[in-house]
Amino acid sequence: MRFRHHVFVCENRRPDDDPRGSCGAKGSETIRAALKEELARRGLKKVVRANVAGCLDACALGPTIVVYPEGVWYGHVRPEDVPEIVESHLVNGVPVERLRIFRE
C-alpha cells in the first residue's frame, strides 16, 4: 500500500444563497493547505495523502473532512484543528472525538 491514510477535504462550492452553505465557502481550501503543510513539516507526505473532494453531502456540518481507510468523518474543522488531527489521528491512531461526526 502506498499511503497509510487518505484525507479527503471537501472543497465543494454551492451558490451563495444555498441554505446548506458549502465547505468551500467556509474555508476548506485553507484547511487542506494547512493539512498539506503540517504533513510536510512532519515528514508524512509519503504515507498520508491530502486530497480535494467534491461534495461529501455534509454541508451543514462543514468544513468536512473524512479519513480513510478508517472512514472517520470530521465536521466544523478549522485550520487550527489540523495539528491535533495529524498528531492524534494520523500519527497515533486516535480519532479526535470533539470534531467527529457520524455518518450513517
C-alpha atoms as a PDB file:
ATOM      1  CA  MET A   1       0.000   0.000   0.000  1.00  0.00           C
ATOM      2  CA  ARG A   2       1.440   3.360  -0.982  1.00  0.00           C
ATOM      3  CA  PHE A   3      -0.388   5.563   1.533  1.00  0.00           C
ATOM      4  CA  ARG A   4      -1.375   4.683   5.095  1.00  0.00           C
ATOM      5  CA  HIS A   5      -4.148   7.320   5.078  1.00  0.00           C
ATOM      6  CA  HIS A   6      -6.087   9.361   2.554  1.00  0.00           C
ATOM      7  CA  VAL A   7      -7.639  12.541   3.952  1.00  0.00           C
ATOM      8  CA  PHE A   8     -10.405  13.940   1.757  1.00  0.00           C
ATOM      9  CA  VAL A   9     -11.193  17.630   2.289  1.00  0.00           C
ATOM     10  CA  CYS A  10     -14.486  18.791   0.804  1.00  0.00           C
ATOM     11  CA  GLU A  11     -13.958  21.914  -1.284  1.00  0.00           C
ATOM     12  CA  ASN A  12     -17.383  21.904  -2.910  1.00  0.00           C
ATOM     13  CA  ARG A  13     -18.950  25.309  -3.568  1.00  0.00           C
ATOM     14  CA  ARG A  14     -22.684  25.817  -3.782  1.00  0.00           C
ATOM     15  CA  PRO A  15     -24.370  29.049  -4.806  1.00  0.00           C
ATOM     16  CA  ASP A  16     -24.103  31.719  -2.107  1.00  0.00           C
ATOM     17  CA  ASP A  17     -27.862  31.640  -1.485  1.00  0.00           C
ATOM     18  CA  ASP A  18     -27.991  27.851  -0.851  1.00  0.00           C
ATOM     19  CA  PRO A  19     -29.337  27.410   2.716  1.00  0.00           C
ATOM     20  CA  ARG A  20     -26.987  24.464   3.347  1.00  0.00           C
ATOM     21  CA  GLY A  21     -23.898  26.539   2.657  1.00  0.00           C
ATOM     22  CA  SER A  22     -20.800  24.800   1.358  1.00  0.00           C
ATOM     23  CA  CYS A  23     -17.441  23.678   2.647  1.00  0.00           C
ATOM     24  CA  GLY A  24     -15.600  25.726   0.030  1.00  0.00           C
ATOM     25  CA  ALA A  25     -17.306  28.896   1.203  1.00  0.00           C
ATOM     26  CA  LYS A  26     -16.447  28.034   4.822  1.00  0.00           C
ATOM     27  CA  GLY A  27     -12.689  27.916   4.249  1.00  0.00           C
ATOM     28  CA  SER A  28     -11.929  24.316   3.376  1.00  0.00           C
ATOM     29  CA  GLU A  29      -9.198  25.313   0.907  1.00  0.00           C
ATOM     30  CA  THR A  30      -7.279  26.860   3.810  1.00  0.00           C
ATOM     31  CA  ILE A  31      -7.771  23.665   5.827  1.00  0.00           C
ATOM     32  CA  ARG A  32      -6.351  21.493   3.041  1.00  0.00           C
ATOM     33  CA  ALA A  33      -3.385  23.844   2.648  1.00  0.00           C
ATOM     34  CA  ALA A  34      -2.746  23.684   6.423  1.00  0.00           C
ATOM     35  CA  LEU A  35      -3.013  19.906   6.310  1.00  0.00           C
ATOM     36  CA  LYS A  36      -0.515  19.629   3.457  1.00  0.00           C
ATOM     37  CA  GLU A  37       1.854  21.984   5.274  1.00  0.00           C
ATOM     38  CA  GLU A  38       1.604  20.016   8.539  1.00  0.00           C
ATOM     39  CA  LEU A  39       2.157  16.705   6.756  1.00  0.00           C
ATOM     40  CA  ALA A  40       5.256  18.103   5.030  1.00  0.00           C
ATOM     41  CA  ARG A  41       6.576  19.587   8.287  1.00  0.00           C
ATOM     42  CA  ARG A  42       6.280  16.198   9.987  1.00  0.00           C
ATOM     43  CA  GLY A  43       7.746  14.215   7.064  1.00  0.00           C
ATOM     44  CA  LEU A  44       4.460  12.376   6.439  1.00  0.00           C
ATOM     45  CA  LYS A  45       3.877  13.255   2.766  1.00  0.00           C
ATOM     46  CA  LYS A  46       4.886   9.771   1.614  1.00  0.00           C
ATOM     47  CA  VAL A  47       2.435   7.983   3.924  1.00  0.00           C
ATOM     48  CA  VAL A  48      -0.553  10.370   4.177  1.00  0.00           C
ATOM     49  CA  ARG A  49      -2.257  11.931   1.168  1.00  0.00           C
ATOM     50  CA  ALA A  50      -4.413  15.064   1.467  1.00  0.00           C
ATOM     51  CA  ASN A  51      -6.961  15.054  -1.353  1.00  0.00           C
ATOM     52  CA  VAL A  52      -9.542  17.510  -2.635  1.00  0.00           C
ATOM     53  CA  ALA A  53     -13.044  16.080  -2.514  1.00  0.00           C
ATOM     54  CA  GLY A  54     -16.209  17.216  -4.150  1.00  0.00           C
ATOM     55  CA  CYS A  55     -19.394  17.299  -2.123  1.00  0.00           C
ATOM     56  CA  LEU A  56     -19.367  14.917   0.837  1.00  0.00           C
ATOM     57  CA  ASP A  57     -23.052  15.706   1.486  1.00  0.00           C
ATOM     58  CA  ALA A  58     -22.476  17.144   4.948  1.00  0.00           C
ATOM     59  CA  CYS A  59     -22.644  20.830   4.034  1.00  0.00           C
ATOM     60  CA  ALA A  60     -24.342  21.977   7.218  1.00  0.00           C
ATOM     61  CA  LEU A  61     -21.502  20.414   9.230  1.00  0.00           C
ATOM     62  CA  GLY A  62     -18.688  21.800   7.101  1.00  0.00           C
ATOM     63  CA  PRO A  63     -15.960  22.254   6.545  1.00  0.00           C
ATOM     64  CA  THR A  64     -15.938  18.470   6.431  1.00  0.00           C
ATOM     65  CA  ILE A  65     -13.086  16.008   6.029  1.00  0.00           C
ATOM     66  CA  VAL A  66     -13.028  12.209   6.018  1.00  0.00           C
ATOM     67  CA  VAL A  67     -10.048   9.980   6.785  1.00  0.00           C
ATOM     68  CA  TYR A  68      -9.655   6.604   5.096  1.00  0.00           C
ATOM     69  CA  PRO A  69      -9.183   3.702   5.446  1.00  0.00           C
ATOM     70  CA  GLU A  70     -10.974   4.167   8.800  1.00  0.00           C
ATOM     71  CA  GLY A  71     -13.885   6.159   7.400  1.00  0.00           C
ATOM     72  CA  VAL A  72     -13.722   8.731  10.212  1.00  0.00           C
ATOM     73  CA  TRP A  73     -15.635  11.933   9.472  1.00  0.00           C
ATOM     74  CA  TYR A  74     -14.832  15.334  10.966  1.00  0.00           C
ATOM     75  CA  GLY A  75     -17.031  18.408  10.851  1.00  0.00           C
ATOM     76  CA  HIS A  76     -16.723  22.109  11.632  1.00  0.00           C
ATOM     77  CA  VAL A  77     -12.973  21.743  11.094  1.00  0.00           C
ATOM     78  CA  ARG A  78     -10.853  24.894  11.413  1.00  0.00           C
ATOM     79  CA  PRO A  79      -7.238  25.376  10.319  1.00  0.00           C
ATOM     80  CA  GLU A  80      -6.144  25.411  13.957  1.00  0.00           C
ATOM     81  CA  ASP A  81      -7.589  21.866  14.356  1.00  0.00           C
ATOM     82  CA  VAL A  82      -5.211  20.420  11.764  1.00  0.00           C
ATOM     83  CA  PRO A  83      -2.174  19.799  14.035  1.00  0.00           C
ATOM     84  CA  GLU A  84      -4.397  17.930  16.511  1.00  0.00           C
ATOM     85  CA  ILE A  85      -5.927  15.774  13.760  1.00  0.00           C
ATOM     86  CA  VAL A  86      -2.476  14.948  12.405  1.00  0.00           C
ATOM     87  CA  GLU A  87      -0.948  14.172  15.828  1.00  0.00           C
ATOM     88  CA  SER A  88      -3.880  12.327  17.375  1.00  0.00           C
ATOM     89  CA  HIS A  89      -5.396  10.508  14.418  1.00  0.00           C
ATOM     90  CA  LEU A  90      -2.827  10.235  11.660  1.00  0.00           C
ATOM     91  CA  VAL A  91       0.233   9.653  13.858  1.00  0.00           C
ATOM     92  CA  ASN A  92      -1.225   7.959  16.955  1.00  0.00           C
ATOM     93  CA  GLY A  93      -4.371   6.334  15.522  1.00  0.00           C
ATOM     94  CA  VAL A  94      -6.791   8.057  17.923  1.00  0.00           C
ATOM     95  CA  PRO A  95      -9.644   9.974  16.264  1.00  0.00           C
ATOM     96  CA  VAL A  96     -10.348  13.498  17.555  1.00  0.00           C
ATOM     97  CA  GLU A  97     -13.729  12.898  19.184  1.00  0.00           C
ATOM     98  CA  ARG A  98     -14.644  16.577  19.662  1.00  0.00           C
ATOM     99  CA  LEU A  99     -14.668  17.059  15.860  1.00  0.00           C
ATOM    100  CA  ARG A 100     -16.099  13.713  14.896  1.00  0.00           C
ATOM    101  CA  ILE A 101     -19.408  13.473  13.079  1.00  0.00           C
ATOM    102  CA  PHE A 102     -21.155  10.192  12.463  1.00  0.00           C
ATOM    103  CA  ARG A 103     -22.494   9.363   9.014  1.00  0.00           C
ATOM    104  CA  GLU A 104     -24.998   6.546   8.518  1.00  0.00           C
END
